[in-house]
PDB file of N, CA and C in Angstrom:
ATOM      1  N   MET A   1      55.498-116.409   2.687  1.00  0.00           N
ATOM      2  CA  MET A   1      54.750-116.499   1.539  1.00  0.00           C
ATOM      3  C   MET A   1      55.967-115.625  -0.010  1.00  0.00           C
ATOM      4  N   THR A   2      56.286-114.935   1.103  1.00  0.00           N
ATOM      5  CA  THR A   2      57.617-114.266  -0.100  1.00  0.00           C
ATOM      6  C   THR A   2      58.568-114.861   0.202  1.00  0.00           C
ATOM      7  N   ALA A   3      59.123-115.719   1.701  1.00  0.00           N
ATOM      8  CA  ALA A   3      60.382-116.151   1.977  1.00  0.00           C
ATOM      9  C   ALA A   3      60.284-117.572   1.144  1.00  0.00           C
ATOM     10  N   THR A   4      59.240-118.187   0.700  1.00  0.00           N
ATOM     11  CA  THR A   4      59.295-119.315   0.316  1.00  0.00           C
ATOM     12  C   THR A   4      59.089-119.255  -1.429  1.00  0.00           C
ATOM     13  N   VAL A   5      59.252-118.203  -1.950  1.00  0.00           N
ATOM     14  CA  VAL A   5      59.022-117.557  -3.057  1.00  0.00           C
ATOM     15  C   VAL A   5      60.557-117.519  -4.025  1.00  0.00           C
ATOM     16  N   ALA A   6      61.356-116.488  -2.902  1.00  0.00           N
ATOM     17  CA  ALA A   6      62.835-116.107  -2.772  1.00  0.00           C
ATOM     18  C   ALA A   6      63.642-117.254  -2.830  1.00  0.00           C
ATOM     19  N   ALA A   7      63.074-118.067  -2.191  1.00  0.00           N
ATOM     20  CA  ALA A   7      64.180-119.219  -1.521  1.00  0.00           C
ATOM     21  C   ALA A   7      63.883-120.307  -3.071  1.00  0.00           C
ATOM     22  N   SER A   8      62.810-120.389  -3.612  1.00  0.00           N
ATOM     23  CA  SER A   8      62.339-120.811  -5.426  1.00  0.00           C
ATOM     24  C   SER A   8      63.054-120.776  -6.521  1.00  0.00           C
ATOM     25  N   ASN A   9      63.813-119.115  -6.195  1.00  0.00           N
ATOM     26  CA  ASN A   9      63.826-118.322  -6.927  1.00  0.00           C
ATOM     27  C   ASN A   9      65.324-117.354  -6.706  1.00  0.00           C
ATOM     28  N   PRO A  10      66.873-117.738  -6.615  1.00  0.00           N
ATOM     29  CA  PRO A  10      67.502-117.254  -5.942  1.00  0.00           C
ATOM     30  C   PRO A  10      67.726-115.734  -6.322  1.00  0.00           C
ATOM     31  N   HIS A  11      67.540-115.223  -7.775  1.00  0.00           N
ATOM     32  CA  HIS A  11      67.478-114.440  -8.119  1.00  0.00           C
ATOM     33  C   HIS A  11      66.824-113.283  -8.454  1.00  0.00           C
ATOM     34  N   LEU A  12      65.278-113.340  -7.385  1.00  0.00           N
ATOM     35  CA  LEU A  12      64.356-112.712  -7.626  1.00  0.00           C
ATOM     36  C   LEU A  12      64.936-111.000  -6.792  1.00  0.00           C
ATOM     37  N   SER A  13      65.611-111.699  -5.453  1.00  0.00           N
ATOM     38  CA  SER A  13      65.712-110.204  -4.910  1.00  0.00           C
ATOM     39  C   SER A  13      67.060-109.301  -5.243  1.00  0.00           C
ATOM     40  N   GLU A  14      67.538-109.845  -6.467  1.00  0.00           N
ATOM     41  CA  GLU A  14      68.406-108.803  -7.739  1.00  0.00           C
ATOM     42  C   GLU A  14      67.305-108.343  -8.069  1.00  0.00           C
ATOM     43  N   GLN A  15      66.168-108.603  -8.308  1.00  0.00           N
ATOM     44  CA  GLN A  15      65.342-108.916  -9.760  1.00  0.00           C
ATOM     45  C   GLN A  15      64.283-107.255  -8.630  1.00  0.00           C
ATOM     46  N   LEU A  16      64.055-107.482  -7.933  1.00  0.00           N
ATOM     47  CA  LEU A  16      63.554-106.477  -7.282  1.00  0.00           C
ATOM     48  C   LEU A  16      64.125-105.463  -6.502  1.00  0.00           C
ATOM     49  N   ALA A  17      65.623-105.171  -6.215  1.00  0.00           N
ATOM     50  CA  ALA A  17      66.273-104.110  -6.059  1.00  0.00           C
ATOM     51  C   ALA A  17      66.332-102.914  -7.265  1.00  0.00           C
ATOM     52  N   ALA A  18      66.607-101.686  -6.203  1.00  0.00           N
ATOM     53  CA  ALA A  18      67.123-100.974  -7.484  1.00  0.00           C
ATOM     54  C   ALA A  18      68.413-100.674  -7.326  1.00  0.00           C
ATOM     55  N   PRO A  19      68.707-100.408  -8.757  1.00  0.00           N
ATOM     56  CA  PRO A  19      69.568-100.373  -9.873  1.00  0.00           C
ATOM     57  C   PRO A  19      70.089 -99.848  -8.801  1.00  0.00           C
ATOM     58  N   PRO A  20      71.512 -99.741  -9.515  1.00  0.00           N
ATOM     59  CA  PRO A  20      72.802 -99.047  -8.236  1.00  0.00           C
ATOM     60  C   PRO A  20      73.270 -97.467  -8.737  1.00  0.00           C
ATOM     61  N   GLY A  21      73.705 -96.553  -7.722  1.00  0.00           N
ATOM     62  CA  GLY A  21      72.992 -95.280  -8.052  1.00  0.00           C
ATOM     63  C   GLY A  21      71.923 -94.828  -7.831  1.00  0.00           C
ATOM     64  N   ALA A  22      70.691 -95.617  -7.750  1.00  0.00           N
ATOM     65  CA  ALA A  22      69.199 -95.262  -7.400  1.00  0.00           C
ATOM     66  C   ALA A  22      69.103 -94.502  -6.310  1.00  0.00           C
ATOM     67  N   GLY A  23      69.870 -94.384  -4.808  1.00  0.00           N
ATOM     68  CA  GLY A  23      69.584 -94.053  -3.958  1.00  0.00           C
ATOM     69  C   GLY A  23      70.587 -92.412  -4.017  1.00  0.00           C
ATOM     70  N   GLU A  24      71.573 -92.286  -4.720  1.00  0.00           N
ATOM     71  CA  GLU A  24      73.179 -90.964  -4.543  1.00  0.00           C
ATOM     72  C   GLU A  24      72.022 -90.644  -5.203  1.00  0.00           C
ATOM     73  N   LEU A  25      71.457 -90.384  -6.867  1.00  0.00           N
ATOM     74  CA  LEU A  25      70.811 -89.835  -7.657  1.00  0.00           C
ATOM     75  C   LEU A  25      69.856 -89.279  -6.856  1.00  0.00           C
ATOM     76  N   LEU A  26      68.800 -90.171  -5.905  1.00  0.00           N
ATOM     77  CA  LEU A  26      67.882 -89.431  -5.333  1.00  0.00           C
ATOM     78  C   LEU A  26      68.546 -87.894  -4.158  1.00  0.00           C
ATOM     79  N   LEU A  27      69.298 -88.605  -3.669  1.00  0.00           N
ATOM     80  CA  LEU A  27      69.591 -87.705  -3.119  1.00  0.00           C
ATOM     81  C   LEU A  27      70.437 -86.280  -3.149  1.00  0.00           C
ATOM     82  N   VAL A  28      71.379 -86.299  -4.846  1.00  0.00           N
ATOM     83  CA  VAL A  28      71.505 -85.975  -5.220  1.00  0.00           C
ATOM     84  C   VAL A  28      70.570 -84.376  -5.812  1.00  0.00           C
ATOM     85  N   GLY A  29      69.201 -85.018  -6.545  1.00  0.00           N
ATOM     86  CA  GLY A  29      68.156 -84.767  -6.845  1.00  0.00           C
ATOM     87  C   GLY A  29      67.284 -83.977  -5.688  1.00  0.00           C
ATOM     88  N   GLY A  30      67.410 -84.603  -4.176  1.00  0.00           N
ATOM     89  CA  GLY A  30      66.988 -83.652  -3.101  1.00  0.00           C
ATOM     90  C   GLY A  30      67.444 -82.273  -3.380  1.00  0.00           C
ATOM     91  N   GLY A  31      68.974 -82.943  -2.684  1.00  0.00           N
ATOM     92  CA  GLY A  31      70.137 -81.391  -2.786  1.00  0.00           C
ATOM     93  C   GLY A  31      69.406 -80.808  -3.612  1.00  0.00           C
ATOM     94  N   VAL A  32      69.212 -80.803  -4.924  1.00  0.00           N
ATOM     95  CA  VAL A  32      69.357 -79.424  -5.583  1.00  0.00           C
ATOM     96  C   VAL A  32      68.007 -79.172  -5.900  1.00  0.00           C
ATOM     97  N   ALA A  33      67.701 -79.933  -5.395  1.00  0.00           N
ATOM     98  CA  ALA A  33      65.351 -79.152  -5.388  1.00  0.00           C
ATOM     99  C   ALA A  33      64.986 -78.407  -4.088  1.00  0.00           C
ATOM    100  N   LEU A  34      66.078 -78.825  -2.896  1.00  0.00           N
ATOM    101  CA  LEU A  34      66.181 -77.753  -1.718  1.00  0.00           C
ATOM    102  C   LEU A  34      66.758 -76.875  -1.984  1.00  0.00           C
ATOM    103  N   VAL A  35      68.324 -76.645  -2.676  1.00  0.00           N
ATOM    104  CA  VAL A  35      68.908 -75.345  -3.064  1.00  0.00           C
ATOM    105  C   VAL A  35      68.317 -73.810  -3.745  1.00  0.00           C
ATOM    106  N   ALA A  36      67.057 -74.993  -4.799  1.00  0.00           N
ATOM    107  CA  ALA A  36      66.507 -74.497  -5.209  1.00  0.00           C
ATOM    108  C   ALA A  36      65.354 -73.488  -4.997  1.00  0.00           C
ATOM    109  N   VAL A  37      64.730 -74.658  -3.412  1.00  0.00           N
ATOM    110  CA  VAL A  37      63.806 -73.692  -3.132  1.00  0.00           C
ATOM    111  C   VAL A  37      64.225 -72.391  -2.165  1.00  0.00           C
ATOM    112  N   LEU A  38      65.292 -72.815  -1.277  1.00  0.00           N
ATOM    113  CA  LEU A  38      65.923 -71.286  -0.915  1.00  0.00           C
ATOM    114  C   LEU A  38      66.255 -70.398  -2.006  1.00  0.00           C
ATOM    115  N   LEU A  39      66.872 -70.558  -2.602  1.00  0.00           N
ATOM    116  CA  LEU A  39      67.584 -69.732  -3.904  1.00  0.00           C
ATOM    117  C   LEU A  39      66.384 -68.630  -4.339  1.00  0.00           C
ATOM    118  N   ALA A  40      64.726 -69.363  -4.266  1.00  0.00           N
ATOM    119  CA  ALA A  40      63.471 -68.962  -4.798  1.00  0.00           C
ATOM    120  C   ALA A  40      63.077 -67.575  -3.649  1.00  0.00           C
ATOM    121  N   ALA A  41      63.190 -68.492  -2.206  1.00  0.00           N
ATOM    122  CA  ALA A  41      62.691 -67.885  -1.589  1.00  0.00           C
ATOM    123  C   ALA A  41      63.423 -66.860  -1.175  1.00  0.00           C
ATOM    124  N   PHE A  42      65.115 -66.247  -1.537  1.00  0.00           N
ATOM    125  CA  PHE A  42      66.191 -65.514  -1.104  1.00  0.00           C
ATOM    126  C   PHE A  42      65.648 -64.374  -1.888  1.00  0.00           C
ATOM    127  N   VAL A  43      65.094 -64.966  -2.954  1.00  0.00           N
ATOM    128  CA  VAL A  43      64.859 -63.965  -4.356  1.00  0.00           C
ATOM    129  C   VAL A  43      63.447 -63.224  -3.523  1.00  0.00           C
ATOM    130  N   TRP A  44      62.554 -63.638  -3.615  1.00  0.00           N
ATOM    131  CA  TRP A  44      60.904 -63.486  -3.291  1.00  0.00           C
ATOM    132  C   TRP A  44      61.428 -62.473  -2.179  1.00  0.00           C
ATOM    133  N   GLY A  45      62.043 -62.633  -1.071  1.00  0.00           N
ATOM    134  CA  GLY A  45      62.731 -61.892  -0.035  1.00  0.00           C
ATOM    135  C   GLY A  45      62.905 -60.773  -0.340  1.00  0.00           C
ATOM    136  N   ARG A  46      63.684 -60.274  -1.112  1.00  0.00           N
ATOM    137  CA  ARG A  46      64.629 -59.431  -1.263  1.00  0.00           C
ATOM    138  C   ARG A  46      63.785 -58.224  -2.454  1.00  0.00           C
ATOM    139  N   ARG A  47      62.749 -59.274  -2.733  1.00  0.00           N
ATOM    140  CA  ARG A  47      61.449 -59.037  -3.657  1.00  0.00           C
ATOM    141  C   ARG A  47      60.723 -57.777  -2.721  1.00  0.00           C
ATOM    142  N   ARG A  48      60.598 -58.507  -1.750  1.00  0.00           N
ATOM    143  CA  ARG A  48      59.160 -58.224  -0.768  1.00  0.00           C
ATOM    144  C   ARG A  48      59.599 -56.674  -0.173  1.00  0.00           C
ATOM    145  N   LYS A  49      61.555 -56.486  -0.125  1.00  0.00           N
ATOM    146  CA  LYS A  49      62.354 -56.146   1.152  1.00  0.00           C
ATOM    147  C   LYS A  49      62.272 -54.378  -0.085  1.00  0.00           C
ATOM    148  N   ALA A  50      62.543 -55.006  -1.197  1.00  0.00           N
ATOM    149  CA  ALA A  50      62.673 -53.635  -1.861  1.00  0.00           C
ATOM    150  C   ALA A  50      61.227 -52.760  -2.785  1.00  0.00           C
ATOM    151  N   ASP A  51      60.298 -53.722  -2.155  1.00  0.00           N
ATOM    152  CA  ASP A  51      58.922 -52.469  -2.203  1.00  0.00           C
ATOM    153  C   ASP A  51      58.197 -52.430  -1.148  1.00  0.00           C
ATOM    154  N   GLU A  52      59.509 -52.129   0.281  1.00  0.00           N
ATOM    155  CA  GLU A  52      58.727 -51.868   0.894  1.00  0.00           C
ATOM    156  C   GLU A  52      59.063 -50.246   1.453  1.00  0.00           C
ATOM    157  N   PRO A  53      59.286 -49.025   1.964  1.00  0.00           N
ATOM    158  CA  PRO A  53      58.866 -47.689   1.528  1.00  0.00           C
ATOM    159  C   PRO A  53      60.537 -47.504   3.017  1.00  0.00           C
ATOM    160  N   GLY A  54      60.673 -46.670   1.997  1.00  0.00           N
ATOM    161  CA  GLY A  54      62.084 -46.177   2.758  1.00  0.00           C
ATOM    162  C   GLY A  54      62.416 -45.564   4.203  1.00  0.00           C
ATOM    163  N   PRO A  55      63.543 -45.692   5.054  1.00  0.00           N
ATOM    164  CA  PRO A  55      63.279 -44.923   6.067  1.00  0.00           C
ATOM    165  C   PRO A  55      62.975 -43.208   5.486  1.00  0.00           C
ATOM    166  N   PRO A  56      61.948 -42.810   7.236  1.00  0.00           N
ATOM    167  CA  PRO A  56      61.868 -41.769   6.717  1.00  0.00           C
ATOM    168  C   PRO A  56      63.011 -40.683   6.264  1.00  0.00           C
ATOM    169  N   ARG A  57      62.907 -39.054   5.535  1.00  0.00           N
ATOM    170  CA  ARG A  57      63.282 -38.387   5.470  1.00  0.00           C
ATOM    171  C   ARG A  57      64.493 -37.153   6.680  1.00  0.00           C
ATOM    172  N   PRO A  58      64.716 -36.654   6.746  1.00  0.00           N
ATOM    173  CA  PRO A  58      64.864 -36.273   8.101  1.00  0.00           C
ATOM    174  C   PRO A  58      63.792 -35.144   8.928  1.00  0.00           C
ATOM    175  N   GLU A  59      63.130 -34.357   7.562  1.00  0.00           N
ATOM    176  CA  GLU A  59      61.568 -33.366   7.814  1.00  0.00           C
ATOM    177  C   GLU A  59      60.342 -34.276   7.606  1.00  0.00           C
ATOM    178  N   GLU A  60      60.717 -35.549   7.499  1.00  0.00           N
ATOM    179  CA  GLU A  60      59.700 -36.068   8.294  1.00  0.00           C
ATOM    180  C   GLU A  60      59.393 -36.737   9.465  1.00  0.00           C
ATOM    181  N   GLN A  61      60.911 -36.795  10.214  1.00  0.00           N
ATOM    182  CA  GLN A  61      61.207 -37.077  11.354  1.00  0.00           C
ATOM    183  C   GLN A  61      60.261 -36.387  12.474  1.00  0.00           C
ATOM    184  N   PRO A  62      60.217 -36.983  13.731  1.00  0.00           N
ATOM    185  CA  PRO A  62      59.144 -36.791  14.847  1.00  0.00           C
ATOM    186  C   PRO A  62      60.426 -35.458  15.853  1.00  0.00           C
ATOM    187  N   ARG A  63      59.149 -34.391  15.988  1.00  0.00           N
ATOM    188  CA  ARG A  63      60.465 -32.646  16.287  1.00  0.00           C
ATOM    189  C   ARG A  63      59.901 -32.943  18.054  1.00  0.00           C
ATOM    190  N   LEU A  64      60.845 -32.423  18.673  1.00  0.00           N
ATOM    191  CA  LEU A  64      60.215 -31.820  20.131  1.00  0.00           C
ATOM    192  C   LEU A  64      59.477 -31.049  20.572  1.00  0.00           C
ATOM    193  N   PRO A  65      58.556 -30.837  21.241  1.00  0.00           N
ATOM    194  CA  PRO A  65      58.024 -30.329  21.136  1.00  0.00           C
ATOM    195  C   PRO A  65      58.316 -28.943  21.691  1.00  0.00           C
ATOM    196  N   GLU A  66      57.234 -27.206  21.649  1.00  0.00           N
ATOM    197  CA  GLU A  66      58.466 -26.328  21.689  1.00  0.00           C
ATOM    198  C   GLU A  66      58.702 -26.334  23.219  1.00  0.00           C
ATOM    199  N   GLY A  67      57.871 -27.047  24.246  1.00  0.00           N
ATOM    200  CA  GLY A  67      58.848 -26.049  25.470  1.00  0.00           C
ATOM    201  C   GLY A  67      59.742 -27.335  25.616  1.00  0.00           C
ATOM    202  N   GLY A  68      60.479 -28.257  25.328  1.00  0.00           N
ATOM    203  CA  GLY A  68      61.430 -29.025  24.610  1.00  0.00           C
ATOM    204  C   GLY A  68      60.834 -30.533  25.431  1.00  0.00           C
ATOM    205  N   PRO A  69      61.727 -31.067  25.881  1.00  0.00           N
ATOM    206  CA  PRO A  69      61.592 -32.573  26.416  1.00  0.00           C
ATOM    207  C   PRO A  69      60.583 -32.464  27.466  1.00  0.00           C
ATOM    208  N   VAL A  70      59.280 -34.014  27.418  1.00  0.00           N
ATOM    209  CA  VAL A  70      58.379 -33.658  28.114  1.00  0.00           C
ATOM    210  C   VAL A  70      59.789 -34.796  29.776  1.00  0.00           C
ATOM    211  N   GLY A  71      59.665 -33.854  31.055  1.00  0.00           N
ATOM    212  CA  GLY A  71      60.022 -34.257  31.924  1.00  0.00           C
ATOM    213  C   GLY A  71      59.283 -35.916  32.623  1.00  0.00           C
ATOM    214  N   ASP A  72      59.700 -36.193  33.668  1.00  0.00           N
ATOM    215  CA  ASP A  72      59.235 -37.701  33.993  1.00  0.00           C
ATOM    216  C   ASP A  72      58.349 -36.564  35.414  1.00  0.00           C
ATOM    217  N   VAL A  73      57.619 -36.945  35.958  1.00  0.00           N
ATOM    218  CA  VAL A  73      56.923 -37.026  37.233  1.00  0.00           C
ATOM    219  C   VAL A  73      57.369 -37.401  37.835  1.00  0.00           C
ATOM    220  N   VAL A  74      57.231 -36.646  39.634  1.00  0.00           N
ATOM    221  CA  VAL A  74      58.343 -37.253  40.254  1.00  0.00           C
ATOM    222  C   VAL A  74      57.041 -37.099  41.484  1.00  0.00           C
ATOM    223  N   GLU A  75      56.519 -37.915  42.073  1.00  0.00           N
ATOM    224  CA  GLU A  75      55.527 -37.805  43.492  1.00  0.00           C
ATOM    225  C   GLU A  75      56.100 -38.839  44.579  1.00  0.00           C
ATOM    226  N   SER A  76      56.133 -38.724  45.321  1.00  0.00           N
ATOM    227  CA  SER A  76      55.901 -39.967  46.276  1.00  0.00           C
ATOM    228  C   SER A  76      54.977 -40.262  47.561  1.00  0.00           C
ATOM    229  N   ARG A  77      54.690 -40.545  47.962  1.00  0.00           N
ATOM    230  CA  ARG A  77      53.350 -41.737  48.216  1.00  0.00           C
ATOM    231  C   ARG A  77      53.493 -42.700  49.523  1.00  0.00           C
ATOM    232  N   GLU A  78      53.060 -43.062  50.368  1.00  0.00           N
ATOM    233  CA  GLU A  78      52.635 -43.610  51.076  1.00  0.00           C
ATOM    234  C   GLU A  78      52.291 -45.534  51.251  1.00  0.00           C
ATOM    235  N   PRO A  79      52.918 -45.739  51.241  1.00  0.00           N
ATOM    236  CA  PRO A  79      52.847 -46.925  51.306  1.00  0.00           C
ATOM    237  C   PRO A  79      51.422 -47.517  51.609  1.00  0.00           C
ATOM    238  N   ASP A  80      50.663 -48.536  51.180  1.00  0.00           N
ATOM    239  CA  ASP A  80      49.733 -48.778  52.353  1.00  0.00           C
ATOM    240  C   ASP A  80      49.864 -50.156  52.961  1.00  0.00           C
ATOM    241  N   ALA A  81      49.081 -49.733  54.266  1.00  0.00           N
ATOM    242  CA  ALA A  81      49.596 -50.471  55.366  1.00  0.00           C
ATOM    243  C   ALA A  81      49.039 -52.010  55.427  1.00  0.00           C
ATOM    244  N   PHE A  82      49.159 -53.201  55.143  1.00  0.00           N
ATOM    245  CA  PHE A  82      48.370 -54.710  54.814  1.00  0.00           C
ATOM    246  C   PHE A  82      48.007 -54.843  56.081  1.00  0.00           C
ATOM    247  N   PRO A  83      46.789 -55.284  57.093  1.00  0.00           N
ATOM    248  CA  PRO A  83      46.676 -55.471  58.042  1.00  0.00           C
ATOM    249  C   PRO A  83      47.364 -56.406  58.186  1.00  0.00           C
ATOM    250  N   ARG A  84      47.060 -57.229  59.613  1.00  0.00           N
ATOM    251  CA  ARG A  84      48.051 -57.867  60.243  1.00  0.00           C
ATOM    252  C   ARG A  84      46.910 -59.008  60.692  1.00  0.00           C
ATOM    253  N   THR A  85      46.765 -60.436  59.838  1.00  0.00           N
ATOM    254  CA  THR A  85      45.474 -61.019  60.212  1.00  0.00           C
ATOM    255  C   THR A  85      46.376 -62.462  59.853  1.00  0.00           C
ATOM    256  N   GLU A  86      45.063 -63.395  60.592  1.00  0.00           N
ATOM    257  CA  GLU A  86      45.588 -64.816  60.885  1.00  0.00           C
ATOM    258  C   GLU A  86      45.646 -65.078  59.055  1.00  0.00           C
ATOM    259  N   GLN A  87      44.095 -64.998  58.626  1.00  0.00           N
ATOM    260  CA  GLN A  87      43.695 -65.605  57.630  1.00  0.00           C
ATOM    261  C   GLN A  87      44.175 -64.175  56.515  1.00  0.00           C
ATOM    262  N   ARG A  88      44.103 -65.189  55.290  1.00  0.00           N
ATOM    263  CA  ARG A  88      44.739 -64.960  54.285  1.00  0.00           C
ATOM    264  C   ARG A  88      43.310 -63.614  53.826  1.00  0.00           C
ATOM    265  N   LEU A  89      43.706 -62.556  53.399  1.00  0.00           N
ATOM    266  CA  LEU A  89      42.513 -61.486  52.492  1.00  0.00           C
ATOM    267  C   LEU A  89      42.521 -62.062  50.809  1.00  0.00           C
ATOM    268  N   THR A  90      41.174 -62.031  50.449  1.00  0.00           N
ATOM    269  CA  THR A  90      40.901 -61.679  49.320  1.00  0.00           C
ATOM    270  C   THR A  90      40.916 -60.514  48.647  1.00  0.00           C
ATOM    271  N   PRO A  91      41.094 -59.978  47.293  1.00  0.00           N
ATOM    272  CA  PRO A  91      41.269 -59.157  45.766  1.00  0.00           C
ATOM    273  C   PRO A  91      40.220 -57.481  46.407  1.00  0.00           C
ATOM    274  N   HIS A  92      38.378 -58.464  47.421  1.00  0.00           N
ATOM    275  CA  HIS A  92      37.441 -58.202  47.418  1.00  0.00           C
ATOM    276  C   HIS A  92      38.004 -56.945  48.556  1.00  0.00           C
ATOM    277  N   GLU A  93      38.084 -57.646  49.612  1.00  0.00           N
ATOM    278  CA  GLU A  93      38.262 -57.286  51.060  1.00  0.00           C
ATOM    279  C   GLU A  93      39.732 -56.100  51.344  1.00  0.00           C
ATOM    280  N   LEU A  94      40.189 -56.407  50.389  1.00  0.00           N
ATOM    281  CA  LEU A  94      41.340 -54.888  49.956  1.00  0.00           C
ATOM    282  C   LEU A  94      40.786 -53.686  50.429  1.00  0.00           C
ATOM    283  N   LYS A  95      42.062 -52.766  50.378  1.00  0.00           N
ATOM    284  CA  LYS A  95      41.621 -51.673  50.134  1.00  0.00           C
ATOM    285  C   LYS A  95      41.313 -51.108  48.169  1.00  0.00           C
ATOM    286  N   ASP A  96      40.755 -49.851  47.588  1.00  0.00           N
ATOM    287  CA  ASP A  96      40.357 -50.036  46.504  1.00  0.00           C
ATOM    288  C   ASP A  96      42.058 -49.166  46.349  1.00  0.00           C
ATOM    289  N   ASN A  97      43.219 -49.786  45.041  1.00  0.00           N
ATOM    290  CA  ASN A  97      43.947 -49.013  44.863  1.00  0.00           C
ATOM    291  C   ASN A  97      44.234 -48.927  43.688  1.00  0.00           C
ATOM    292  N   GLY A  98      43.123 -48.752  43.066  1.00  0.00           N
ATOM    293  CA  GLY A  98      43.783 -48.549  41.535  1.00  0.00           C
ATOM    294  C   GLY A  98      43.875 -47.534  40.852  1.00  0.00           C
ATOM    295  N   GLY A  99      44.749 -46.569  41.607  1.00  0.00           N
ATOM    296  CA  GLY A  99      45.613 -45.148  40.993  1.00  0.00           C
ATOM    297  C   GLY A  99      44.770 -44.471  39.817  1.00  0.00           C
ATOM    298  N   ALA A 100      43.873 -44.590  39.255  1.00  0.00           N
ATOM    299  CA  ALA A 100      43.481 -44.100  38.192  1.00  0.00           C
ATOM    300  C   ALA A 100      42.331 -43.067  38.725  1.00  0.00           C
ATOM    301  N   HIS A 101      42.048 -43.380  39.668  1.00  0.00           N
ATOM    302  CA  HIS A 101      40.791 -42.590  40.234  1.00  0.00           C
ATOM    303  C   HIS A 101      41.064 -42.055  42.071  1.00  0.00           C
ATOM    304  N   ASP A 102      40.550 -40.792  41.699  1.00  0.00           N
ATOM    305  CA  ASP A 102      40.823 -41.118  43.763  1.00  0.00           C
ATOM    306  C   ASP A 102      39.370 -41.846  44.495  1.00  0.00           C
ATOM    307  N   SER A 103      39.795 -42.179  45.870  1.00  0.00           N
ATOM    308  CA  SER A 103      38.692 -42.516  46.421  1.00  0.00           C
ATOM    309  C   SER A 103      37.733 -41.674  46.741  1.00  0.00           C
ATOM    310  N   SER A 104      38.145 -39.928  46.821  1.00  0.00           N
ATOM    311  CA  SER A 104      37.354 -39.203  47.298  1.00  0.00           C
ATOM    312  C   SER A 104      36.250 -39.240  45.839  1.00  0.00           C
ATOM    313  N   SER A 105      37.303 -38.966  44.739  1.00  0.00           N
ATOM    314  CA  SER A 105      35.325 -38.662  43.934  1.00  0.00           C
ATOM    315  C   SER A 105      35.233 -39.691  43.293  1.00  0.00           C
ATOM    316  N   PRO A 106      33.916 -39.481  42.222  1.00  0.00           N
ATOM    317  CA  PRO A 106      32.641 -40.429  42.120  1.00  0.00           C
ATOM    318  C   PRO A 106      32.846 -40.687  41.364  1.00  0.00           C
ATOM    319  N   ARG A 107      32.767 -42.600  40.889  1.00  0.00           N
ATOM    320  CA  ARG A 107      33.258 -43.054  39.899  1.00  0.00           C
ATOM    321  C   ARG A 107      32.460 -42.774  38.431  1.00  0.00           C
TER     322      ARG A 107
END
Protein backbone atom coordinates (compact mmCIF):
# COMPACT_ATOMS: atom_id res chain seq x y z
CA MET A 1 0.00 0.00 0.00
CA THR A 2 2.85 2.41 0.78
CA ALA A 3 4.28 1.75 -2.67
CA THR A 4 1.06 2.96 -4.30
CA VAL A 5 0.99 6.04 -2.07
CA ALA A 6 4.63 6.81 -2.84
CA ALA A 7 3.99 6.26 -6.55
CA SER A 8 1.06 8.70 -6.54
CA ASN A 9 3.09 11.35 -4.65
CA PRO A 10 6.79 11.35 -5.73
CA HIS A 11 7.75 13.99 -3.13
CA LEU A 12 6.42 11.91 -0.21
CA SER A 13 9.74 10.10 0.31
CA GLU A 14 11.51 13.43 0.52
CA GLN A 15 8.99 14.65 3.08
CA LEU A 16 9.42 11.53 5.30
CA ALA A 17 13.22 11.48 5.16
CA ALA A 18 15.30 12.96 7.96
CA PRO A 19 16.77 16.37 7.32
CA PRO A 20 20.35 16.40 6.01
CA GLY A 21 22.95 16.28 8.77
CA ALA A 22 20.66 14.60 11.35
CA GLY A 23 22.72 11.39 11.33
CA GLU A 24 25.97 13.24 11.92
CA LEU A 25 24.37 15.26 14.70
CA LEU A 26 23.16 12.05 16.35
CA LEU A 27 26.64 10.50 16.15
CA VAL A 28 28.34 13.60 17.58
CA GLY A 29 25.78 13.80 20.40
CA GLY A 30 26.27 10.11 21.20
CA GLY A 31 30.05 10.57 21.24
CA VAL A 32 29.81 13.55 23.58
CA ALA A 33 27.51 11.59 25.89
CA LEU A 34 29.92 8.63 25.89
CA VAL A 35 32.90 10.86 26.74
CA ALA A 36 30.88 12.49 29.54
CA VAL A 37 30.00 9.09 31.03
CA LEU A 38 33.62 7.92 30.85
CA LEU A 39 34.88 11.11 32.52
CA ALA A 40 32.28 10.81 35.27
CA ALA A 41 33.30 7.19 35.89
CA PHE A 42 36.96 8.22 36.06
CA VAL A 43 36.24 11.01 38.58
CA TRP A 44 34.05 8.69 40.66
CA GLY A 45 36.82 6.04 40.73
CA ARG A 46 39.45 8.59 41.79
CA ARG A 47 37.24 9.76 44.65
CA ARG A 48 36.66 6.19 45.84
CA LYS A 49 40.41 5.51 45.68
CA ALA A 50 41.11 8.67 47.71
CA ASP A 51 38.68 7.49 50.42
CA GLU A 52 40.56 4.20 50.92
CA PRO A 53 43.05 3.96 53.78
CA GLY A 54 46.70 4.41 52.85
CA PRO A 55 49.40 1.74 53.07
CA PRO A 56 50.42 0.61 56.57
CA ARG A 57 53.15 2.54 58.33
CA PRO A 58 56.45 0.73 59.12
CA GLU A 59 55.42 0.15 62.75
CA GLU A 60 52.19 -1.50 61.55
CA GLN A 61 54.02 -4.03 59.35
CA PRO A 62 54.15 -7.68 60.44
CA ARG A 63 57.29 -8.76 62.33
CA LEU A 64 59.29 -11.99 62.33
CA PRO A 65 58.73 -14.36 65.27
CA GLU A 66 61.26 -14.30 68.14
CA GLY A 67 62.91 -17.52 66.96
CA GLY A 68 63.37 -16.34 63.37
CA PRO A 69 61.55 -17.46 60.28
CA VAL A 70 59.58 -20.66 60.46
CA GLY A 71 61.14 -23.37 58.28
CA ASP A 72 59.51 -25.94 56.09
CA VAL A 73 58.75 -29.37 57.51
CA VAL A 74 60.64 -32.01 55.58
CA GLU A 75 59.55 -35.61 55.88
CA SER A 76 59.81 -38.62 53.66
CA ARG A 77 56.97 -41.05 53.34
CA GLU A 78 56.67 -44.39 51.68
CA PRO A 79 54.17 -44.32 48.84
CA ASP A 80 51.19 -46.63 49.11
CA ALA A 81 51.22 -49.21 46.37
CA PHE A 82 48.01 -49.75 44.47
CA PRO A 83 46.93 -53.34 44.21
CA ARG A 84 47.13 -54.77 40.70
CA THR A 85 43.63 -55.91 39.78
CA GLU A 86 41.70 -56.34 36.57
CA GLN A 87 38.84 -54.17 37.80
CA ARG A 88 38.89 -50.48 38.56
CA LEU A 89 38.85 -49.66 42.27
CA THR A 90 36.33 -47.22 43.69
CA PRO A 91 37.34 -44.69 46.38
CA HIS A 92 35.74 -46.64 49.23
CA GLU A 93 37.78 -49.73 48.26
CA LEU A 94 41.09 -47.88 48.62
CA LYS A 95 43.05 -47.49 51.85
CA ASP A 96 42.17 -44.32 53.81
CA ASN A 97 44.84 -41.69 53.03
CA GLY A 98 43.26 -38.62 54.59
CA GLY A 99 46.59 -37.41 55.94
CA ALA A 100 44.98 -35.43 58.76
CA HIS A 101 44.78 -38.42 61.07
CA ASP A 102 46.68 -41.63 61.63
CA SER A 103 45.03 -44.98 60.97
CA SER A 104 45.96 -46.04 64.52
CA SER A 105 44.42 -42.96 66.16
CA PRO A 106 40.69 -42.93 66.94
CA ARG A 107 38.49 -40.65 64.92
